mmCIF file of all heavy atoms, coordinates in Angstrom:
data_MODEL
# 
_entry.id   MODEL 
# 
loop_
_atom_site.group_PDB 
_atom_site.id 
_atom_site.type_symbol 
_atom_site.label_atom_id 
_atom_site.label_alt_id 
_atom_site.label_comp_id 
_atom_site.label_asym_id 
_atom_site.label_entity_id 
_atom_site.label_seq_id 
_atom_site.pdbx_PDB_ins_code 
_atom_site.Cartn_x 
_atom_site.Cartn_y 
_atom_site.Cartn_z 
_atom_site.occupancy 
_atom_site.B_iso_or_equiv 
_atom_site.pdbx_formal_charge 
_atom_site.auth_seq_id 
_atom_site.auth_comp_id 
_atom_site.auth_asym_id 
_atom_site.auth_atom_id 
_atom_site.pdbx_PDB_model_num 
ATOM 1   N N   . GLN A 1 1  ? 35.459 25.545 31.286 1.00 0.00 ? 1  GLN A N   1 
ATOM 2   C CA  . GLN A 1 1  ? 34.461 25.360 30.221 1.00 0.00 ? 1  GLN A CA  1 
ATOM 3   C C   . GLN A 1 1  ? 33.023 25.636 30.687 1.00 0.00 ? 1  GLN A C   1 
ATOM 4   O O   . GLN A 1 1  ? 32.234 26.156 29.937 1.00 0.00 ? 1  GLN A O   1 
ATOM 5   C CB  . GLN A 1 1  ? 34.592 23.908 29.657 1.00 0.00 ? 1  GLN A CB  1 
ATOM 6   C CG  . GLN A 1 1  ? 35.897 23.689 28.908 1.00 0.00 ? 1  GLN A CG  1 
ATOM 7   C CD  . GLN A 1 1  ? 36.069 24.682 27.779 1.00 0.00 ? 1  GLN A CD  1 
ATOM 8   O OE1 . GLN A 1 1  ? 35.196 24.886 26.961 1.00 0.00 ? 1  GLN A OE1 1 
ATOM 9   N NE2 . GLN A 1 1  ? 37.217 25.353 27.748 1.00 0.00 ? 1  GLN A NE2 1 
ATOM 10  N N   . TYR A 1 2  ? 32.765 25.286 31.926 1.00 0.00 ? 2  TYR A N   1 
ATOM 11  C CA  . TYR A 1 2  ? 31.428 25.563 32.490 1.00 0.00 ? 2  TYR A CA  1 
ATOM 12  C C   . TYR A 1 2  ? 31.182 27.080 32.505 1.00 0.00 ? 2  TYR A C   1 
ATOM 13  O O   . TYR A 1 2  ? 30.124 27.553 32.095 1.00 0.00 ? 2  TYR A O   1 
ATOM 14  C CB  . TYR A 1 2  ? 31.351 24.973 33.904 1.00 0.00 ? 2  TYR A CB  1 
ATOM 15  C CG  . TYR A 1 2  ? 30.035 25.191 34.598 1.00 0.00 ? 2  TYR A CG  1 
ATOM 16  C CD1 . TYR A 1 2  ? 28.862 24.646 34.099 1.00 0.00 ? 2  TYR A CD1 1 
ATOM 17  C CD2 . TYR A 1 2  ? 29.956 25.922 35.764 1.00 0.00 ? 2  TYR A CD2 1 
ATOM 18  C CE1 . TYR A 1 2  ? 27.644 24.830 34.730 1.00 0.00 ? 2  TYR A CE1 1 
ATOM 19  C CE2 . TYR A 1 2  ? 28.754 26.101 36.424 1.00 0.00 ? 2  TYR A CE2 1 
ATOM 20  C CZ  . TYR A 1 2  ? 27.596 25.536 35.896 1.00 0.00 ? 2  TYR A CZ  1 
ATOM 21  O OH  . TYR A 1 2  ? 26.408 25.729 36.553 1.00 0.00 ? 2  TYR A OH  1 
ATOM 22  N N   . ALA A 1 3  ? 32.178 27.836 32.948 1.00 0.00 ? 3  ALA A N   1 
ATOM 23  C CA  . ALA A 1 3  ? 32.063 29.310 33.005 1.00 0.00 ? 3  ALA A CA  1 
ATOM 24  C C   . ALA A 1 3  ? 31.872 29.874 31.606 1.00 0.00 ? 3  ALA A C   1 
ATOM 25  O O   . ALA A 1 3  ? 31.025 30.790 31.393 1.00 0.00 ? 3  ALA A O   1 
ATOM 26  C CB  . ALA A 1 3  ? 33.286 29.885 33.673 1.00 0.00 ? 3  ALA A CB  1 
ATOM 27  N N   . ALA A 1 4  ? 32.607 29.367 30.629 1.00 0.00 ? 4  ALA A N   1 
ATOM 28  C CA  . ALA A 1 4  ? 32.456 29.858 29.261 1.00 0.00 ? 4  ALA A CA  1 
ATOM 29  C C   . ALA A 1 4  ? 31.050 29.605 28.729 1.00 0.00 ? 4  ALA A C   1 
ATOM 30  O O   . ALA A 1 4  ? 30.460 30.477 28.073 1.00 0.00 ? 4  ALA A O   1 
ATOM 31  C CB  . ALA A 1 4  ? 33.503 29.196 28.350 1.00 0.00 ? 4  ALA A CB  1 
ATOM 32  N N   . GLY A 1 5  ? 30.502 28.449 29.055 1.00 0.00 ? 5  GLY A N   1 
ATOM 33  C CA  . GLY A 1 5  ? 29.143 28.129 28.638 1.00 0.00 ? 5  GLY A CA  1 
ATOM 34  C C   . GLY A 1 5  ? 28.102 29.013 29.323 1.00 0.00 ? 5  GLY A C   1 
ATOM 35  O O   . GLY A 1 5  ? 27.122 29.480 28.718 1.00 0.00 ? 5  GLY A O   1 
ATOM 36  N N   . LEU A 1 6  ? 28.339 29.291 30.598 1.00 0.00 ? 6  LEU A N   1 
ATOM 37  C CA  . LEU A 1 6  ? 27.406 30.175 31.310 1.00 0.00 ? 6  LEU A CA  1 
ATOM 38  C C   . LEU A 1 6  ? 27.402 31.583 30.682 1.00 0.00 ? 6  LEU A C   1 
ATOM 39  O O   . LEU A 1 6  ? 26.328 32.200 30.609 1.00 0.00 ? 6  LEU A O   1 
ATOM 40  C CB  . LEU A 1 6  ? 27.826 30.276 32.815 1.00 0.00 ? 6  LEU A CB  1 
ATOM 41  C CG  . LEU A 1 6  ? 27.458 29.096 33.665 1.00 0.00 ? 6  LEU A CG  1 
ATOM 42  C CD1 . LEU A 1 6  ? 27.991 29.311 35.089 1.00 0.00 ? 6  LEU A CD1 1 
ATOM 43  C CD2 . LEU A 1 6  ? 25.970 28.847 33.698 1.00 0.00 ? 6  LEU A CD2 1 
ATOM 44  N N   . VAL A 1 7  ? 28.564 32.061 30.302 1.00 0.00 ? 7  VAL A N   1 
ATOM 45  C CA  . VAL A 1 7  ? 28.630 33.398 29.704 1.00 0.00 ? 7  VAL A CA  1 
ATOM 46  C C   . VAL A 1 7  ? 27.794 33.452 28.427 1.00 0.00 ? 7  VAL A C   1 
ATOM 47  O O   . VAL A 1 7  ? 27.099 34.435 28.203 1.00 0.00 ? 7  VAL A O   1 
ATOM 48  C CB  . VAL A 1 7  ? 30.114 33.807 29.458 1.00 0.00 ? 7  VAL A CB  1 
ATOM 49  C CG1 . VAL A 1 7  ? 30.180 35.051 28.565 1.00 0.00 ? 7  VAL A CG1 1 
ATOM 50  C CG2 . VAL A 1 7  ? 30.826 34.045 30.758 1.00 0.00 ? 7  VAL A CG2 1 
ATOM 51  N N   . VAL A 1 8  ? 27.854 32.407 27.643 1.00 0.00 ? 8  VAL A N   1 
ATOM 52  C CA  . VAL A 1 8  ? 27.018 32.392 26.430 1.00 0.00 ? 8  VAL A CA  1 
ATOM 53  C C   . VAL A 1 8  ? 25.546 32.478 26.778 1.00 0.00 ? 8  VAL A C   1 
ATOM 54  O O   . VAL A 1 8  ? 24.796 33.274 26.208 1.00 0.00 ? 8  VAL A O   1 
ATOM 55  C CB  . VAL A 1 8  ? 27.276 31.102 25.584 1.00 0.00 ? 8  VAL A CB  1 
ATOM 56  C CG1 . VAL A 1 8  ? 26.306 31.004 24.421 1.00 0.00 ? 8  VAL A CG1 1 
ATOM 57  C CG2 . VAL A 1 8  ? 28.710 31.093 25.091 1.00 0.00 ? 8  VAL A CG2 1 
ATOM 58  N N   . SER A 1 9  ? 25.128 31.727 27.800 1.00 0.00 ? 9  SER A N   1 
ATOM 59  C CA  . SER A 1 9  ? 23.724 31.790 28.233 1.00 0.00 ? 9  SER A CA  1 
ATOM 60  C C   . SER A 1 9  ? 23.376 33.164 28.826 1.00 0.00 ? 9  SER A C   1 
ATOM 61  O O   . SER A 1 9  ? 22.309 33.703 28.538 1.00 0.00 ? 9  SER A O   1 
ATOM 62  C CB  . SER A 1 9  ? 23.467 30.727 29.307 1.00 0.00 ? 9  SER A CB  1 
ATOM 63  O OG  . SER A 1 9  ? 23.629 29.440 28.776 1.00 0.00 ? 9  SER A OG  1 
ATOM 64  N N   . TYR A 1 10 ? 24.265 33.682 29.652 1.00 0.00 ? 10 TYR A N   1 
ATOM 65  C CA  . TYR A 1 10 ? 24.004 34.969 30.278 1.00 0.00 ? 10 TYR A CA  1 
ATOM 66  C C   . TYR A 1 10 ? 23.879 36.104 29.253 1.00 0.00 ? 10 TYR A C   1 
ATOM 67  O O   . TYR A 1 10 ? 23.097 37.032 29.435 1.00 0.00 ? 10 TYR A O   1 
ATOM 68  C CB  . TYR A 1 10 ? 25.134 35.358 31.224 1.00 0.00 ? 10 TYR A CB  1 
ATOM 69  C CG  . TYR A 1 10 ? 25.218 34.592 32.521 1.00 0.00 ? 10 TYR A CG  1 
ATOM 70  C CD1 . TYR A 1 10 ? 26.399 34.615 33.265 1.00 0.00 ? 10 TYR A CD1 1 
ATOM 71  C CD2 . TYR A 1 10 ? 24.150 33.885 33.041 1.00 0.00 ? 10 TYR A CD2 1 
ATOM 72  C CE1 . TYR A 1 10 ? 26.503 33.944 34.456 1.00 0.00 ? 10 TYR A CE1 1 
ATOM 73  C CE2 . TYR A 1 10 ? 24.229 33.218 34.246 1.00 0.00 ? 10 TYR A CE2 1 
ATOM 74  C CZ  . TYR A 1 10 ? 25.413 33.258 34.965 1.00 0.00 ? 10 TYR A CZ  1 
ATOM 75  O OH  . TYR A 1 10 ? 25.528 32.604 36.158 1.00 0.00 ? 10 TYR A OH  1 
ATOM 76  N N   . ALA A 1 11 ? 24.647 36.015 28.151 1.00 0.00 ? 11 ALA A N   1 
ATOM 77  C CA  . ALA A 1 11 ? 24.642 37.085 27.170 1.00 0.00 ? 11 ALA A CA  1 
ATOM 78  C C   . ALA A 1 11 ? 23.438 37.051 26.246 1.00 0.00 ? 11 ALA A C   1 
ATOM 79  O O   . ALA A 1 11 ? 23.068 38.076 25.677 1.00 0.00 ? 11 ALA A O   1 
ATOM 80  C CB  . ALA A 1 11 ? 25.942 37.004 26.349 1.00 0.00 ? 11 ALA A CB  1 
ATOM 81  N N   . ARG A 1 12 ? 22.806 35.891 26.106 1.00 0.00 ? 12 ARG A N   1 
ATOM 82  C CA  . ARG A 1 12 ? 21.674 35.732 25.166 1.00 0.00 ? 12 ARG A CA  1 
ATOM 83  C C   . ARG A 1 12 ? 20.556 36.699 25.537 1.00 0.00 ? 12 ARG A C   1 
ATOM 84  O O   . ARG A 1 12 ? 19.916 36.595 26.564 1.00 0.00 ? 12 ARG A O   1 
ATOM 85  C CB  . ARG A 1 12 ? 21.195 34.299 25.165 1.00 0.00 ? 12 ARG A CB  1 
ATOM 86  C CG  . ARG A 1 12 ? 20.261 33.975 24.016 1.00 0.00 ? 12 ARG A CG  1 
ATOM 87  C CD  . ARG A 1 12 ? 19.945 32.501 23.975 1.00 0.00 ? 12 ARG A CD  1 
ATOM 88  N NE  . ARG A 1 12 ? 21.145 31.739 23.660 1.00 0.00 ? 12 ARG A NE  1 
ATOM 89  C CZ  . ARG A 1 12 ? 21.606 30.730 24.430 1.00 0.00 ? 12 ARG A CZ  1 
ATOM 90  N NH1 . ARG A 1 12 ? 20.982 30.356 25.500 1.00 0.00 ? 12 ARG A NH1 1 
ATOM 91  N NH2 . ARG A 1 12 ? 22.706 30.099 24.077 1.00 0.00 ? 12 ARG A NH2 1 
ATOM 92  N N   . GLY A 1 13 ? 20.321 37.732 24.653 1.00 0.00 ? 13 GLY A N   1 
ATOM 93  C CA  . GLY A 1 13 ? 19.273 38.694 24.887 1.00 0.00 ? 13 GLY A CA  1 
ATOM 94  C C   . GLY A 1 13 ? 19.529 39.632 26.057 1.00 0.00 ? 13 GLY A C   1 
ATOM 95  O O   . GLY A 1 13 ? 18.585 40.339 26.477 1.00 0.00 ? 13 GLY A O   1 
ATOM 96  N N   . ASN A 1 14 ? 20.752 39.680 26.564 1.00 0.00 ? 14 ASN A N   1 
ATOM 97  C CA  . ASN A 1 14 ? 21.043 40.464 27.742 1.00 0.00 ? 14 ASN A CA  1 
ATOM 98  C C   . ASN A 1 14 ? 22.182 41.452 27.540 1.00 0.00 ? 14 ASN A C   1 
ATOM 99  O O   . ASN A 1 14 ? 22.829 41.849 28.492 1.00 0.00 ? 14 ASN A O   1 
ATOM 100 C CB  . ASN A 1 14 ? 21.364 39.509 28.936 1.00 0.00 ? 14 ASN A CB  1 
ATOM 101 C CG  . ASN A 1 14 ? 21.473 40.223 30.249 1.00 0.00 ? 14 ASN A CG  1 
ATOM 102 O OD1 . ASN A 1 14 ? 20.873 41.267 30.437 1.00 0.00 ? 14 ASN A OD1 1 
ATOM 103 N ND2 . ASN A 1 14 ? 22.262 39.662 31.164 1.00 0.00 ? 14 ASN A ND2 1 
ATOM 104 N N   . LEU A 1 15 ? 22.432 41.841 26.292 1.00 0.00 ? 15 LEU A N   1 
ATOM 105 C CA  . LEU A 1 15 ? 23.508 42.798 26.032 1.00 0.00 ? 15 LEU A CA  1 
ATOM 106 C C   . LEU A 1 15 ? 22.880 44.132 25.597 1.00 0.00 ? 15 LEU A C   1 
ATOM 107 O O   . LEU A 1 15 ? 21.855 44.169 24.969 1.00 0.00 ? 15 LEU A O   1 
ATOM 108 C CB  . LEU A 1 15 ? 24.447 42.303 24.933 1.00 0.00 ? 15 LEU A CB  1 
ATOM 109 C CG  . LEU A 1 15 ? 25.183 40.997 25.244 1.00 0.00 ? 15 LEU A CG  1 
ATOM 110 C CD1 . LEU A 1 15 ? 26.085 40.614 24.081 1.00 0.00 ? 15 LEU A CD1 1 
ATOM 111 C CD2 . LEU A 1 15 ? 25.999 41.116 26.523 1.00 0.00 ? 15 LEU A CD2 1 
ATOM 112 N N   . VAL A 1 16 ? 23.556 45.209 25.965 1.00 0.00 ? 16 VAL A N   1 
ATOM 113 C CA  . VAL A 1 16 ? 23.092 46.564 25.555 1.00 0.00 ? 16 VAL A CA  1 
ATOM 114 C C   . VAL A 1 16 ? 23.684 46.843 24.188 1.00 0.00 ? 16 VAL A C   1 
ATOM 115 O O   . VAL A 1 16 ? 24.905 47.102 24.066 1.00 0.00 ? 16 VAL A O   1 
ATOM 116 C CB  . VAL A 1 16 ? 23.543 47.600 26.591 1.00 0.00 ? 16 VAL A CB  1 
ATOM 117 C CG1 . VAL A 1 16 ? 23.034 48.987 26.162 1.00 0.00 ? 16 VAL A CG1 1 
ATOM 118 C CG2 . VAL A 1 16 ? 23.069 47.255 27.981 1.00 0.00 ? 16 VAL A CG2 1 
ATOM 119 N N   . PRO A 1 17 ? 22.847 46.788 23.115 1.00 0.00 ? 17 PRO A N   1 
ATOM 120 C CA  . PRO A 1 17 ? 23.387 46.906 21.753 1.00 0.00 ? 17 PRO A CA  1 
ATOM 121 C C   . PRO A 1 17 ? 24.197 48.178 21.503 1.00 0.00 ? 17 PRO A C   1 
ATOM 122 O O   . PRO A 1 17 ? 25.207 48.114 20.790 1.00 0.00 ? 17 PRO A O   1 
ATOM 123 C CB  . PRO A 1 17 ? 22.130 46.917 20.884 1.00 0.00 ? 17 PRO A CB  1 
ATOM 124 C CG  . PRO A 1 17 ? 21.097 46.262 21.715 1.00 0.00 ? 17 PRO A CG  1 
ATOM 125 C CD  . PRO A 1 17 ? 21.442 46.560 23.139 1.00 0.00 ? 17 PRO A CD  1 
ATOM 126 N N   . ARG A 1 18 ? 23.815 49.290 22.081 1.00 0.00 ? 18 ARG A N   1 
ATOM 127 C CA  . ARG A 1 18 ? 24.569 50.526 21.778 1.00 0.00 ? 18 ARG A CA  1 
ATOM 128 C C   . ARG A 1 18 ? 25.967 50.537 22.374 1.00 0.00 ? 18 ARG A C   1 
ATOM 129 O O   . ARG A 1 18 ? 26.793 51.339 21.996 1.00 0.00 ? 18 ARG A O   1 
ATOM 130 C CB  . ARG A 1 18 ? 23.748 51.740 22.228 1.00 0.00 ? 18 ARG A CB  1 
ATOM 131 C CG  . ARG A 1 18 ? 23.655 51.925 23.710 1.00 0.00 ? 18 ARG A CG  1 
ATOM 132 C CD  . ARG A 1 18 ? 22.932 53.258 24.040 1.00 0.00 ? 18 ARG A CD  1 
ATOM 133 N NE  . ARG A 1 18 ? 22.855 53.472 25.437 1.00 0.00 ? 18 ARG A NE  1 
ATOM 134 C CZ  . ARG A 1 18 ? 21.802 53.136 26.201 1.00 0.00 ? 18 ARG A CZ  1 
ATOM 135 N NH1 . ARG A 1 18 ? 20.763 52.585 25.646 1.00 0.00 ? 18 ARG A NH1 1 
ATOM 136 N NH2 . ARG A 1 18 ? 21.840 53.382 27.495 1.00 0.00 ? 18 ARG A NH2 1 
ATOM 137 N N   . PHE A 1 19 ? 26.245 49.634 23.311 1.00 0.00 ? 19 PHE A N   1 
ATOM 138 C CA  . PHE A 1 19 ? 27.585 49.537 23.894 1.00 0.00 ? 19 PHE A CA  1 
ATOM 139 C C   . PHE A 1 19 ? 28.401 48.362 23.334 1.00 0.00 ? 19 PHE A C   1 
ATOM 140 O O   . PHE A 1 19 ? 29.491 48.113 23.813 1.00 0.00 ? 19 PHE A O   1 
ATOM 141 C CB  . PHE A 1 19 ? 27.490 49.408 25.403 1.00 0.00 ? 19 PHE A CB  1 
ATOM 142 C CG  . PHE A 1 19 ? 26.925 50.631 26.075 1.00 0.00 ? 19 PHE A CG  1 
ATOM 143 C CD1 . PHE A 1 19 ? 25.847 50.503 26.939 1.00 0.00 ? 19 PHE A CD1 1 
ATOM 144 C CD2 . PHE A 1 19 ? 27.410 51.900 25.823 1.00 0.00 ? 19 PHE A CD2 1 
ATOM 145 C CE1 . PHE A 1 19 ? 25.312 51.622 27.548 1.00 0.00 ? 19 PHE A CE1 1 
ATOM 146 C CE2 . PHE A 1 19 ? 26.884 52.995 26.427 1.00 0.00 ? 19 PHE A CE2 1 
ATOM 147 C CZ  . PHE A 1 19 ? 25.807 52.872 27.307 1.00 0.00 ? 19 PHE A CZ  1 
ATOM 148 N N   . VAL A 1 20 ? 27.827 47.668 22.350 1.00 0.00 ? 20 VAL A N   1 
ATOM 149 C CA  . VAL A 1 20 ? 28.523 46.499 21.764 1.00 0.00 ? 20 VAL A CA  1 
ATOM 150 C C   . VAL A 1 20 ? 29.054 46.903 20.416 1.00 0.00 ? 20 VAL A C   1 
ATOM 151 O O   . VAL A 1 20 ? 28.306 47.345 19.539 1.00 0.00 ? 20 VAL A O   1 
ATOM 152 C CB  . VAL A 1 20 ? 27.579 45.313 21.659 1.00 0.00 ? 20 VAL A CB  1 
ATOM 153 C CG1 . VAL A 1 20 ? 28.258 44.166 20.953 1.00 0.00 ? 20 VAL A CG1 1 
ATOM 154 C CG2 . VAL A 1 20 ? 27.093 44.886 23.036 1.00 0.00 ? 20 VAL A CG2 1 
ATOM 155 N N   . ASN A 1 21 ? 30.344 46.713 20.198 1.00 0.00 ? 21 ASN A N   1 
ATOM 156 C CA  . ASN A 1 21 ? 30.948 46.866 18.890 1.00 0.00 ? 21 ASN A CA  1 
ATOM 157 C C   . ASN A 1 21 ? 31.083 45.503 18.267 1.00 0.00 ? 21 ASN A C   1 
ATOM 158 O O   . ASN A 1 21 ? 31.782 44.653 18.770 1.00 0.00 ? 21 ASN A O   1 
ATOM 159 C CB  . ASN A 1 21 ? 32.338 47.526 18.992 1.00 0.00 ? 21 ASN A CB  1 
ATOM 160 C CG  . ASN A 1 21 ? 32.245 48.955 19.492 1.00 0.00 ? 21 ASN A CG  1 
ATOM 161 O OD1 . ASN A 1 21 ? 31.329 49.691 19.119 1.00 0.00 ? 21 ASN A OD1 1 
ATOM 162 N ND2 . ASN A 1 21 ? 33.180 49.325 20.355 1.00 0.00 ? 21 ASN A ND2 1 
ATOM 163 N N   . ALA A 1 22 ? 30.410 45.313 17.137 1.00 0.00 ? 22 ALA A N   1 
ATOM 164 C CA  . ALA A 1 22 ? 30.446 44.020 16.436 1.00 0.00 ? 22 ALA A CA  1 
ATOM 165 C C   . ALA A 1 22 ? 31.899 43.677 16.081 1.00 0.00 ? 22 ALA A C   1 
ATOM 166 O O   . ALA A 1 22 ? 32.673 44.508 15.666 1.00 0.00 ? 22 ALA A O   1 
ATOM 167 C CB  . ALA A 1 22 ? 29.596 44.067 15.175 1.00 0.00 ? 22 ALA A CB  1 
ATOM 168 N N   . GLY A 1 23 ? 32.219 42.414 16.268 1.00 0.00 ? 23 GLY A N   1 
ATOM 169 C CA  . GLY A 1 23 ? 33.577 41.936 15.955 1.00 0.00 ? 23 GLY A CA  1 
ATOM 170 C C   . GLY A 1 23 ? 34.576 42.283 17.030 1.00 0.00 ? 23 GLY A C   1 
ATOM 171 O O   . GLY A 1 23 ? 35.788 42.136 16.792 1.00 0.00 ? 23 GLY A O   1 
ATOM 172 N N   . SER A 1 24 ? 34.126 42.693 18.199 1.00 0.00 ? 24 SER A N   1 
ATOM 173 C CA  . SER A 1 24 ? 35.049 43.084 19.276 1.00 0.00 ? 24 SER A CA  1 
ATOM 174 C C   . SER A 1 24 ? 35.046 42.033 20.385 1.00 0.00 ? 24 SER A C   1 
ATOM 175 O O   . SER A 1 24 ? 34.081 41.312 20.562 1.00 0.00 ? 24 SER A O   1 
ATOM 176 C CB  . SER A 1 24 ? 34.648 44.421 19.871 1.00 0.00 ? 24 SER A CB  1 
ATOM 177 O OG  . SER A 1 24 ? 34.805 45.437 18.926 1.00 0.00 ? 24 SER A OG  1 
ATOM 178 N N   . TRP A 1 25 ? 36.164 42.036 21.107 1.00 0.00 ? 25 TRP A N   1 
ATOM 179 C CA  . TRP A 1 25 ? 36.335 41.123 22.239 1.00 0.00 ? 25 TRP A CA  1 
ATOM 180 C C   . TRP A 1 25 ? 36.015 41.876 23.529 1.00 0.00 ? 25 TRP A C   1 
ATOM 181 O O   . TRP A 1 25 ? 36.360 43.051 23.677 1.00 0.00 ? 25 TRP A O   1 
ATOM 182 C CB  . TRP A 1 25 ? 37.740 40.604 22.309 1.00 0.00 ? 25 TRP A CB  1 
ATOM 183 C CG  . TRP A 1 25 ? 38.032 39.566 21.257 1.00 0.00 ? 25 TRP A CG  1 
ATOM 184 C CD1 . TRP A 1 25 ? 38.527 39.794 20.015 1.00 0.00 ? 25 TRP A CD1 1 
ATOM 185 C CD2 . TRP A 1 25 ? 37.846 38.153 21.381 1.00 0.00 ? 25 TRP A CD2 1 
ATOM 186 N NE1 . TRP A 1 25 ? 38.660 38.596 19.332 1.00 0.00 ? 25 TRP A NE1 1 
ATOM 187 C CE2 . TRP A 1 25 ? 38.241 37.582 20.163 1.00 0.00 ? 25 TRP A CE2 1 
ATOM 188 C CE3 . TRP A 1 25 ? 37.372 37.334 22.389 1.00 0.00 ? 25 TRP A CE3 1 
ATOM 189 C CZ2 . TRP A 1 25 ? 38.194 36.221 19.933 1.00 0.00 ? 25 TRP A CZ2 1 
ATOM 190 C CZ3 . TRP A 1 25 ? 37.336 35.943 22.186 1.00 0.00 ? 25 TRP A CZ3 1 
ATOM 191 C CH2 . TRP A 1 25 ? 37.731 35.390 20.949 1.00 0.00 ? 25 TRP A CH2 1 
# 
């Protein structure tokens, strides 16, 4: 659960939009 929470924090404002497909895993 700690790791899952860290990923949420790490991803905030840190994703490359052109490589992200909305609704994808």
